[in-house]
Amino acid sequence: MASKWDDLERWMENQQLPKGFEVLREPDWVERY
């Protein structure tokens, strides 16, 4: 069974993010922020 985090990652991969929000695809963006 996949975790909710895996589900979120899969969902994010398929999203058309507005310009400037591509950073959300990077796994270490929270740490940098």
PDB file of all heavy atoms in Angstrom:
ATOM      1  N   MET A   1       0.846  -1.191   0.000  1.00  0.00           N
ATOM      2  CA  MET A   1       0.000   0.000   0.000  1.00  0.00           C
ATOM      3  C   MET A   1       0.883   1.244   0.000  1.00  0.00           C
ATOM      4  O   MET A   1       1.803   1.358   0.778  1.00  0.00           O
ATOM      5  CB  MET A   1      -0.891  -0.027   1.242  1.00  0.00           C
ATOM      6  CG  MET A   1      -1.815   1.130   1.332  1.00  0.00           C
ATOM      7  SD  MET A   1      -2.922   0.909   2.754  1.00  0.00           S
ATOM      8  CE  MET A   1      -3.791   2.406   2.646  1.00  0.00           C
ATOM      9  N   ALA A   2       0.622   2.147  -0.876  1.00  0.00           N
ATOM     10  CA  ALA A   2       1.418   3.374  -0.995  1.00  0.00           C
ATOM     11  C   ALA A   2       1.059   4.331   0.135  1.00  0.00           C
ATOM     12  O   ALA A   2      -0.078   4.402   0.580  1.00  0.00           O
ATOM     13  CB  ALA A   2       1.152   4.031  -2.338  1.00  0.00           C
ATOM     14  N   SER A   3       2.056   5.085   0.569  1.00  0.00           N
ATOM     15  CA  SER A   3       1.813   6.066   1.626  1.00  0.00           C
ATOM     16  C   SER A   3       1.169   7.313   1.031  1.00  0.00           C
ATOM     17  O   SER A   3       1.166   7.523  -0.181  1.00  0.00           O
ATOM     18  CB  SER A   3       3.128   6.440   2.309  1.00  0.00           C
ATOM     19  OG  SER A   3       3.908   7.236   1.439  1.00  0.00           O
ATOM     20  N   LYS A   4       0.645   8.149   1.889  1.00  0.00           N
ATOM     21  CA  LYS A   4       0.033   9.392   1.432  1.00  0.00           C
ATOM     22  C   LYS A   4       1.086  10.299   0.798  1.00  0.00           C
ATOM     23  O   LYS A   4       0.789  11.038  -0.123  1.00  0.00           O
ATOM     24  CB  LYS A   4      -0.654  10.101   2.594  1.00  0.00           C
ATOM     25  CG  LYS A   4      -1.869   9.341   3.095  1.00  0.00           C
ATOM     26  CD  LYS A   4      -2.574  10.109   4.176  1.00  0.00           C
ATOM     27  CE  LYS A   4      -3.651   9.284   4.775  1.00  0.00           C
ATOM     28  NZ  LYS A   4      -4.965   9.567   4.320  1.00  0.00           N
ATOM     29  N   TRP A   5       2.341  10.222   1.289  1.00  0.00           N
ATOM     30  CA  TRP A   5       3.417  11.023   0.708  1.00  0.00           C
ATOM     31  C   TRP A   5       3.670  10.590  -0.736  1.00  0.00           C
ATOM     32  O   TRP A   5       3.860  11.432  -1.607  1.00  0.00           O
ATOM     33  CB  TRP A   5       4.680  10.892   1.544  1.00  0.00           C
ATOM     34  CG  TRP A   5       5.755  11.830   1.098  1.00  0.00           C
ATOM     35  CD1 TRP A   5       6.853  11.527   0.370  1.00  0.00           C
ATOM     36  CD2 TRP A   5       5.799  13.242   1.313  1.00  0.00           C
ATOM     37  NE1 TRP A   5       7.589  12.645   0.120  1.00  0.00           N
ATOM     38  CE2 TRP A   5       6.966  13.720   0.693  1.00  0.00           C
ATOM     39  CE3 TRP A   5       4.978  14.152   1.961  1.00  0.00           C
ATOM     40  CZ2 TRP A   5       7.323  15.054   0.708  1.00  0.00           C
ATOM     41  CZ3 TRP A   5       5.347  15.480   1.975  1.00  0.00           C
ATOM     42  CH2 TRP A   5       6.501  15.918   1.357  1.00  0.00           C
ATOM     43  N   ASP A   6       3.701   9.257  -0.986  1.00  0.00           N
ATOM     44  CA  ASP A   6       3.894   8.754  -2.349  1.00  0.00           C
ATOM     45  C   ASP A   6       2.753   9.223  -3.256  1.00  0.00           C
ATOM     46  O   ASP A   6       2.986   9.599  -4.406  1.00  0.00           O
ATOM     47  CB  ASP A   6       3.964   7.223  -2.360  1.00  0.00           C
ATOM     48  CG  ASP A   6       5.231   6.698  -1.708  1.00  0.00           C
ATOM     49  OD1 ASP A   6       6.231   7.437  -1.680  1.00  0.00           O
ATOM     50  OD2 ASP A   6       5.200   5.554  -1.223  1.00  0.00           O
ATOM     51  N   ASP A   7       1.534   9.182  -2.721  1.00  0.00           N
ATOM     52  CA  ASP A   7       0.378   9.661  -3.491  1.00  0.00           C
ATOM     53  C   ASP A   7       0.533  11.141  -3.838  1.00  0.00           C
ATOM     54  O   ASP A   7       0.265  11.556  -4.967  1.00  0.00           O
ATOM     55  CB  ASP A   7      -0.922   9.453  -2.708  1.00  0.00           C
ATOM     56  CG  ASP A   7      -1.276   7.985  -2.530  1.00  0.00           C
ATOM     57  OD1 ASP A   7      -0.742   7.150  -3.296  1.00  0.00           O
ATOM     58  OD2 ASP A   7      -2.075   7.688  -1.627  1.00  0.00           O
ATOM     59  N   LEU A   8       1.000  11.926  -2.868  1.00  0.00           N
ATOM     60  CA  LEU A   8       1.195  13.355  -3.101  1.00  0.00           C
ATOM     61  C   LEU A   8       2.275  13.582  -4.165  1.00  0.00           C
ATOM     62  O   LEU A   8       2.105  14.413  -5.058  1.00  0.00           O
ATOM     63  CB  LEU A   8       1.579  14.062  -1.803  1.00  0.00           C
ATOM     64  CG  LEU A   8       1.887  15.558  -1.932  1.00  0.00           C
ATOM     65  CD1 LEU A   8       0.656  16.325  -2.384  1.00  0.00           C
ATOM     66  CD2 LEU A   8       2.413  16.109  -0.622  1.00  0.00           C
ATOM     67  N   GLU A   9       3.387  12.845  -4.074  1.00  0.00           N
ATOM     68  CA  GLU A   9       4.455  12.987  -5.070  1.00  0.00           C
ATOM     69  C   GLU A   9       3.952  12.641  -6.477  1.00  0.00           C
ATOM     70  O   GLU A   9       4.251  13.348  -7.432  1.00  0.00           O
ATOM     71  CB  GLU A   9       5.647  12.100  -4.715  1.00  0.00           C
ATOM     72  CG  GLU A   9       6.485  12.646  -3.598  1.00  0.00           C
ATOM     73  CD  GLU A   9       7.688  11.782  -3.304  1.00  0.00           C
ATOM     74  OE1 GLU A   9       7.725  10.598  -3.732  1.00  0.00           O
ATOM     75  OE2 GLU A   9       8.605  12.273  -2.647  1.00  0.00           O
ATOM     76  N   ARG A  10       3.204  11.555  -6.594  1.00  0.00           N
ATOM     77  CA  ARG A  10       2.652  11.166  -7.894  1.00  0.00           C
ATOM     78  C   ARG A  10       1.713  12.247  -8.430  1.00  0.00           C
ATOM     79  O   ARG A  10       1.743  12.597  -9.595  1.00  0.00           O
ATOM     80  CB  ARG A  10       1.908   9.836  -7.777  1.00  0.00           C
ATOM     81  CG  ARG A  10       2.655   8.675  -8.375  1.00  0.00           C
ATOM     82  CD  ARG A  10       1.823   7.421  -8.476  1.00  0.00           C
ATOM     83  NE  ARG A  10       1.078   7.065  -7.286  1.00  0.00           N
ATOM     84  CZ  ARG A  10       1.601   6.472  -6.210  1.00  0.00           C
ATOM     85  NH1 ARG A  10       2.866   6.171  -6.188  1.00  0.00           N
ATOM     86  NH2 ARG A  10       0.865   6.174  -5.172  1.00  0.00           N
ATOM     87  N   TRP A  11       0.878  12.777  -7.560  1.00  0.00           N
ATOM     88  CA  TRP A  11      -0.054  13.816  -7.963  1.00  0.00           C
ATOM     89  C   TRP A  11       0.702  15.061  -8.425  1.00  0.00           C
ATOM     90  O   TRP A  11       0.375  15.651  -9.445  1.00  0.00           O
ATOM     91  CB  TRP A  11      -0.983  14.150  -6.795  1.00  0.00           C
ATOM     92  CG  TRP A  11      -1.980  15.218  -7.113  1.00  0.00           C
ATOM     93  CD1 TRP A  11      -3.136  15.075  -7.809  1.00  0.00           C
ATOM     94  CD2 TRP A  11      -1.888  16.605  -6.773  1.00  0.00           C
ATOM     95  NE1 TRP A  11      -3.782  16.289  -7.911  1.00  0.00           N
ATOM     96  CE2 TRP A  11      -3.033  17.242  -7.273  1.00  0.00           C
ATOM     97  CE3 TRP A  11      -0.959  17.361  -6.069  1.00  0.00           C
ATOM     98  CZ2 TRP A  11      -3.262  18.597  -7.108  1.00  0.00           C
ATOM     99  CZ3 TRP A  11      -1.192  18.707  -5.913  1.00  0.00           C
ATOM    100  CH2 TRP A  11      -2.330  19.312  -6.432  1.00  0.00           C
ATOM    101  N   MET A  12       1.763  15.460  -7.670  1.00  0.00           N
ATOM    102  CA  MET A  12       2.542  16.651  -8.014  1.00  0.00           C
ATOM    103  C   MET A  12       3.239  16.494  -9.362  1.00  0.00           C
ATOM    104  O   MET A  12       3.366  17.462 -10.106  1.00  0.00           O
ATOM    105  CB  MET A  12       3.588  16.952  -6.938  1.00  0.00           C
ATOM    106  CG  MET A  12       3.022  17.550  -5.666  1.00  0.00           C
ATOM    107  SD  MET A  12       2.272  19.157  -5.908  1.00  0.00           S
ATOM    108  CE  MET A  12       3.693  20.128  -6.368  1.00  0.00           C
ATOM    109  N   GLU A  13       3.703  15.280  -9.687  1.00  0.00           N
ATOM    110  CA  GLU A  13       4.390  15.055 -10.952  1.00  0.00           C
ATOM    111  C   GLU A  13       3.478  15.333 -12.148  1.00  0.00           C
ATOM    112  O   GLU A  13       3.947  15.729 -13.206  1.00  0.00           O
ATOM    113  CB  GLU A  13       4.914  13.624 -11.030  1.00  0.00           C
ATOM    114  CG  GLU A  13       6.103  13.373 -10.133  1.00  0.00           C
ATOM    115  CD  GLU A  13       6.522  11.921 -10.111  1.00  0.00           C
ATOM    116  OE1 GLU A  13       5.871  11.080 -10.782  1.00  0.00           O
ATOM    117  OE2 GLU A  13       7.491  11.619  -9.419  1.00  0.00           O
ATOM    118  N   ASN A  14       2.186  15.138 -11.974  1.00  0.00           N
ATOM    119  CA  ASN A  14       1.250  15.299 -13.084  1.00  0.00           C
ATOM    120  C   ASN A  14       0.602  16.674 -13.154  1.00  0.00           C
ATOM    121  O   ASN A  14      -0.211  16.929 -14.037  1.00  0.00           O
ATOM    122  CB  ASN A  14       0.158  14.231 -12.990  1.00  0.00           C
ATOM    123  CG  ASN A  14       0.726  12.848 -13.139  1.00  0.00           C
ATOM    124  OD1 ASN A  14       1.640  12.636 -13.920  1.00  0.00           O
ATOM    125  ND2 ASN A  14       0.204  11.899 -12.376  1.00  0.00           N
ATOM    126  N   GLN A  15       0.942  17.555 -12.234  1.00  0.00           N
ATOM    127  CA  GLN A  15       0.310  18.869 -12.193  1.00  0.00           C
ATOM    128  C   GLN A  15       1.009  19.860 -13.114  1.00  0.00           C
ATOM    129  O   GLN A  15       2.220  19.832 -13.276  1.00  0.00           O
ATOM    130  CB  GLN A  15       0.312  19.422 -10.767  1.00  0.00           C
ATOM    131  CG  GLN A  15      -0.517  18.596  -9.802  1.00  0.00           C
ATOM    132  CD  GLN A  15      -1.933  18.408 -10.295  1.00  0.00           C
ATOM    133  OE1 GLN A  15      -2.643  19.359 -10.556  1.00  0.00           O
ATOM    134  NE2 GLN A  15      -2.339  17.159 -10.432  1.00  0.00           N
ATOM    135  N   GLN A  16       0.233  20.723 -13.712  1.00  0.00           N
ATOM    136  CA  GLN A  16       0.760  21.841 -14.486  1.00  0.00           C
ATOM    137  C   GLN A  16       0.849  23.021 -13.527  1.00  0.00           C
ATOM    138  O   GLN A  16      -0.144  23.693 -13.263  1.00  0.00           O
ATOM    139  CB  GLN A  16      -0.177  22.164 -15.666  1.00  0.00           C
ATOM    140  CG  GLN A  16      -0.303  21.064 -16.674  1.00  0.00           C
ATOM    141  CD  GLN A  16       1.027  20.808 -17.380  1.00  0.00           C
ATOM    142  OE1 GLN A  16       1.794  21.705 -17.632  1.00  0.00           O
ATOM    143  NE2 GLN A  16       1.283  19.543 -17.684  1.00  0.00           N
ATOM    144  N   LEU A  17       2.022  23.235 -12.983  1.00  0.00           N
ATOM    145  CA  LEU A  17       2.188  24.286 -11.981  1.00  0.00           C
ATOM    146  C   LEU A  17       2.384  25.643 -12.648  1.00  0.00           C
ATOM    147  O   LEU A  17       2.991  25.743 -13.710  1.00  0.00           O
ATOM    148  CB  LEU A  17       3.405  23.975 -11.107  1.00  0.00           C
ATOM    149  CG  LEU A  17       3.305  22.691 -10.288  1.00  0.00           C
ATOM    150  CD1 LEU A  17       4.627  22.407  -9.607  1.00  0.00           C
ATOM    151  CD2 LEU A  17       2.204  22.795  -9.260  1.00  0.00           C
ATOM    152  N   PRO A  18       1.873  26.697 -12.005  1.00  0.00           N
ATOM    153  CA  PRO A  18       2.090  28.041 -12.538  1.00  0.00           C
ATOM    154  C   PRO A  18       3.577  28.376 -12.533  1.00  0.00           C
ATOM    155  O   PRO A  18       4.346  27.806 -11.772  1.00  0.00           O
ATOM    156  CB  PRO A  18       1.334  28.957 -11.565  1.00  0.00           C
ATOM    157  CG  PRO A  18       0.503  28.070 -10.729  1.00  0.00           C
ATOM    158  CD  PRO A  18       1.067  26.694 -10.810  1.00  0.00           C
ATOM    159  N   LYS A  19       3.970  29.302 -13.363  1.00  0.00           N
ATOM    160  CA  LYS A  19       5.373  29.707 -13.444  1.00  0.00           C
ATOM    161  C   LYS A  19       5.866  30.147 -12.066  1.00  0.00           C
ATOM    162  O   LYS A  19       5.191  30.895 -11.373  1.00  0.00           O
ATOM    163  CB  LYS A  19       5.534  30.844 -14.447  1.00  0.00           C
ATOM    164  CG  LYS A  19       6.957  31.233 -14.676  1.00  0.00           C
ATOM    165  CD  LYS A  19       7.087  32.279 -15.746  1.00  0.00           C
ATOM    166  CE  LYS A  19       8.553  32.602 -15.956  1.00  0.00           C
ATOM    167  NZ  LYS A  19       8.744  33.610 -16.956  1.00  0.00           N
ATOM    168  N   GLY A  20       7.025  29.666 -11.680  1.00  0.00           N
ATOM    169  CA  GLY A  20       7.595  30.006 -10.384  1.00  0.00           C
ATOM    170  C   GLY A  20       7.317  28.974  -9.305  1.00  0.00           C
ATOM    171  O   GLY A  20       7.937  28.983  -8.260  1.00  0.00           O
ATOM    172  N   PHE A  21       6.388  28.055  -9.535  1.00  0.00           N
ATOM    173  CA  PHE A  21       6.050  27.051  -8.543  1.00  0.00           C
ATOM    174  C   PHE A  21       6.723  25.706  -8.823  1.00  0.00           C
ATOM    175  O   PHE A  21       6.459  24.733  -8.147  1.00  0.00           O
ATOM    176  CB  PHE A  21       4.532  26.862  -8.457  1.00  0.00           C
ATOM    177  CG  PHE A  21       3.852  27.957  -7.708  1.00  0.00           C
ATOM    178  CD1 PHE A  21       3.483  29.131  -8.357  1.00  0.00           C
ATOM    179  CD2 PHE A  21       3.597  27.846  -6.357  1.00  0.00           C
ATOM    180  CE1 PHE A  21       2.866  30.157  -7.674  1.00  0.00           C
ATOM    181  CE2 PHE A  21       2.976  28.867  -5.660  1.00  0.00           C
ATOM    182  CZ  PHE A  21       2.609  30.031  -6.319  1.00  0.00           C
ATOM    183  N   GLU A  22       7.599  25.662  -9.849  1.00  0.00           N
ATOM    184  CA  GLU A  22       8.294  24.417 -10.169  1.00  0.00           C
ATOM    185  C   GLU A  22       9.143  23.936  -9.003  1.00  0.00           C
ATOM    186  O   GLU A  22       9.455  22.763  -8.890  1.00  0.00           O
ATOM    187  CB  GLU A  22       9.184  24.578 -11.414  1.00  0.00           C
ATOM    188  CG  GLU A  22       8.438  24.907 -12.672  1.00  0.00           C
ATOM    189  CD  GLU A  22       8.188  26.403 -12.827  1.00  0.00           C
ATOM    190  OE1 GLU A  22       8.821  27.217 -12.145  1.00  0.00           O
ATOM    191  OE2 GLU A  22       7.329  26.745 -13.643  1.00  0.00           O
ATOM    192  N   VAL A  23       9.534  24.860  -8.135  1.00  0.00           N
ATOM    193  CA  VAL A  23      10.368  24.527  -6.984  1.00  0.00           C
ATOM    194  C   VAL A  23       9.694  23.476  -6.098  1.00  0.00           C
ATOM    195  O   VAL A  23      10.359  22.718  -5.398  1.00  0.00           O
ATOM    196  CB  VAL A  23      10.722  25.806  -6.179  1.00  0.00           C
ATOM    197  CG1 VAL A  23       9.508  26.343  -5.447  1.00  0.00           C
ATOM    198  CG2 VAL A  23      11.842  25.533  -5.200  1.00  0.00           C
ATOM    199  N   LEU A  24       8.371  23.418  -6.136  1.00  0.00           N
ATOM    200  CA  LEU A  24       7.650  22.446  -5.310  1.00  0.00           C
ATOM    201  C   LEU A  24       7.948  21.006  -5.725  1.00  0.00           C
ATOM    202  O   LEU A  24       7.723  20.086  -4.960  1.00  0.00           O
ATOM    203  CB  LEU A  24       6.142  22.702  -5.382  1.00  0.00           C
ATOM    204  CG  LEU A  24       5.671  24.041  -4.825  1.00  0.00           C
ATOM    205  CD1 LEU A  24       4.183  24.209  -5.054  1.00  0.00           C
ATOM    206  CD2 LEU A  24       6.013  24.160  -3.360  1.00  0.00           C
ATOM    207  N   ARG A  25       8.482  20.813  -6.922  1.00  0.00           N
ATOM    208  CA  ARG A  25       8.832  19.463  -7.372  1.00  0.00           C
ATOM    209  C   ARG A  25      10.169  18.994  -6.793  1.00  0.00           C
ATOM    210  O   ARG A  25      10.477  17.827  -6.836  1.00  0.00           O
ATOM    211  CB  ARG A  25       8.910  19.419  -8.890  1.00  0.00           C
ATOM    212  CG  ARG A  25       7.591  19.636  -9.577  1.00  0.00           C
ATOM    213  CD  ARG A  25       7.734  19.323 -11.058  1.00  0.00           C
ATOM    214  NE  ARG A  25       6.695  19.923 -11.858  1.00  0.00           N
ATOM    215  CZ  ARG A  25       5.480  19.409 -12.017  1.00  0.00           C
ATOM    216  NH1 ARG A  25       5.158  18.300 -11.445  1.00  0.00           N
ATOM    217  NH2 ARG A  25       4.599  20.029 -12.775  1.00  0.00           N
ATOM    218  N   GLU A  26      10.972  19.910  -6.270  1.00  0.00           N
ATOM    219  CA  GLU A  26      12.280  19.556  -5.728  1.00  0.00           C
ATOM    220  C   GLU A  26      12.127  19.063  -4.292  1.00  0.00           C
ATOM    221  O   GLU A  26      11.482  19.705  -3.476  1.00  0.00           O
ATOM    222  CB  GLU A  26      13.208  20.763  -5.760  1.00  0.00           C
ATOM    223  CG  GLU A  26      13.484  21.265  -7.152  1.00  0.00           C
ATOM    224  CD  GLU A  26      14.349  22.505  -7.155  1.00  0.00           C
ATOM    225  OE1 GLU A  26      15.138  22.686  -6.214  1.00  0.00           O
ATOM    226  OE2 GLU A  26      14.219  23.283  -8.098  1.00  0.00           O
ATOM    227  N   PRO A  27      12.750  17.922  -3.968  1.00  0.00           N
ATOM    228  CA  PRO A  27      12.559  17.343  -2.642  1.00  0.00           C
ATOM    229  C   PRO A  27      13.156  18.153  -1.502  1.00  0.00           C
ATOM    230  O   PRO A  27      12.689  18.065  -0.370  1.00  0.00           O
ATOM    231  CB  PRO A  27      13.232  15.972  -2.739  1.00  0.00           C
ATOM    232  CG  PRO A  27      14.156  16.074  -3.891  1.00  0.00           C
ATOM    233  CD  PRO A  27      13.579  17.083  -4.823  1.00  0.00           C
ATOM    234  N   ASP A  28      14.165  18.981  -1.764  1.00  0.00           N
ATOM    235  CA  ASP A  28      14.794  19.710  -0.670  1.00  0.00           C
ATOM    236  C   ASP A  28      14.359  21.171  -0.581  1.00  0.00           C
ATOM    237  O   ASP A  28      14.971  21.970   0.094  1.00  0.00           O
ATOM    238  CB  ASP A  28      16.311  19.619  -0.780  1.00  0.00           C
ATOM    239  CG  ASP A  28      16.837  20.169  -2.081  1.00  0.00           C
ATOM    240  OD1 ASP A  28      16.035  20.368  -3.016  1.00  0.00           O
ATOM    241  OD2 ASP A  28      18.051  20.392  -2.173  1.00  0.00           O
ATOM    242  N   TRP A  29      13.252  21.534  -1.222  1.00  0.00           N
ATOM    243  CA  TRP A  29      12.812  22.922  -1.216  1.00  0.00           C
ATOM    244  C   TRP A  29      12.404  23.384   0.177  1.00  0.00           C
ATOM    245  O   TRP A  29      12.621  24.531   0.545  1.00  0.00           O
ATOM    246  CB  TRP A  29      11.703  23.178  -2.226  1.00  0.00           C
ATOM    247  CG  TRP A  29      10.374  22.598  -1.854  1.00  0.00           C
ATOM    248  CD1 TRP A  29       9.926  21.345  -2.096  1.00  0.00           C
ATOM    249  CD2 TRP A  29       9.322  23.256  -1.134  1.00  0.00           C
ATOM    250  NE1 TRP A  29       8.671  21.172  -1.592  1.00  0.00           N
ATOM    251  CE2 TRP A  29       8.271  22.334  -0.989  1.00  0.00           C
ATOM    252  CE3 TRP A  29       9.171  24.521  -0.605  1.00  0.00           C
ATOM    253  CZ2 TRP A  29       7.097  22.649  -0.334  1.00  0.00           C
ATOM    254  CZ3 TRP A  29       7.992  24.844   0.046  1.00  0.00           C
ATOM    255  CH2 TRP A  29       6.970  23.903   0.175  1.00  0.00           C
ATOM    256  N   VAL A  30      11.817  22.508   0.974  1.00  0.00           N
ATOM    257  CA  VAL A  30      11.400  22.892   2.324  1.00  0.00           C
ATOM    258  C   VAL A  30      12.628  23.247   3.159  1.00  0.00           C
ATOM    259  O   VAL A  30      12.651  24.264   3.850  1.00  0.00           O
ATOM    260  CB  VAL A  30      10.595  21.763   3.010  1.00  0.00           C
ATOM    261  CG1 VAL A  30      10.325  22.096   4.463  1.00  0.00           C
ATOM    262  CG2 VAL A  30       9.277  21.527   2.285  1.00  0.00           C
ATOM    263  N   GLU A  31      13.650  22.410   3.067  1.00  0.00           N
ATOM    264  CA  GLU A  31      14.870  22.657   3.843  1.00  0.00           C
ATOM    265  C   GLU A  31      15.499  23.997   3.453  1.00  0.00           C
ATOM    266  O   GLU A  31      15.897  24.785   4.302  1.00  0.00           O
ATOM    267  CB  GLU A  31      15.871  21.529   3.629  1.00  0.00           C
ATOM    268  CG  GLU A  31      17.140  21.717   4.415  1.00  0.00           C
ATOM    269  CD  GLU A  31      18.130  20.611   4.173  1.00  0.00           C
ATOM    270  OE1 GLU A  31      17.805  19.635   3.480  1.00  0.00           O
ATOM    271  OE2 GLU A  31      19.256  20.750   4.680  1.00  0.00           O
ATOM    272  N   ARG A  32      15.589  24.266   2.154  1.00  0.00           N
ATOM    273  CA  ARG A  32      16.169  25.528   1.699  1.00  0.00           C
ATOM    274  C   ARG A  32      15.322  26.715   2.166  1.00  0.00           C
ATOM    275  O   ARG A  32      15.857  27.741   2.579  1.00  0.00           O
ATOM    276  CB  ARG A  32      16.302  25.531   0.183  1.00  0.00           C
ATOM    277  CG  ARG A  32      17.414  24.647  -0.319  1.00  0.00           C
ATOM    278  CD  ARG A  32      17.762  24.924  -1.776  1.00  0.00           C
ATOM    279  NE  ARG A  32      16.620  25.133  -2.635  1.00  0.00           N
ATOM    280  CZ  ARG A  32      16.042  24.176  -3.372  1.00  0.00           C
ATOM    281  NH1 ARG A  32      16.524  22.955  -3.355  1.00  0.00           N
ATOM    282  NH2 ARG A  32      15.009  24.445  -4.126  1.00  0.00           N
ATOM    283  N   TYR A  33      13.998  26.560   2.113  1.00  0.00           N
ATOM    284  CA  TYR A  33      13.113  27.638   2.536  1.00  0.00           C
ATOM    285  C   TYR A  33      13.289  27.936   4.027  1.00  0.00           C
ATOM    286  O   TYR A  33      13.429  29.090   4.430  1.00  0.00           O
ATOM    287  CB  TYR A  33      11.659  27.267   2.230  1.00  0.00           C
ATOM    288  CG  TYR A  33      10.667  28.308   2.704  1.00  0.00           C
ATOM    289  CD1 TYR A  33      10.463  29.471   1.975  1.00  0.00           C
ATOM    290  CD2 TYR A  33       9.955  28.126   3.885  1.00  0.00           C
ATOM    291  CE1 TYR A  33       9.569  30.439   2.409  1.00  0.00           C
ATOM    292  CE2 TYR A  33       9.060  29.091   4.322  1.00  0.00           C
ATOM    293  CZ  TYR A  33       8.867  30.235   3.583  1.00  0.00           C
ATOM    294  OH  TYR A  33       7.993  31.183   4.025  1.00  0.00           O
TER     295      TYR A  33
END
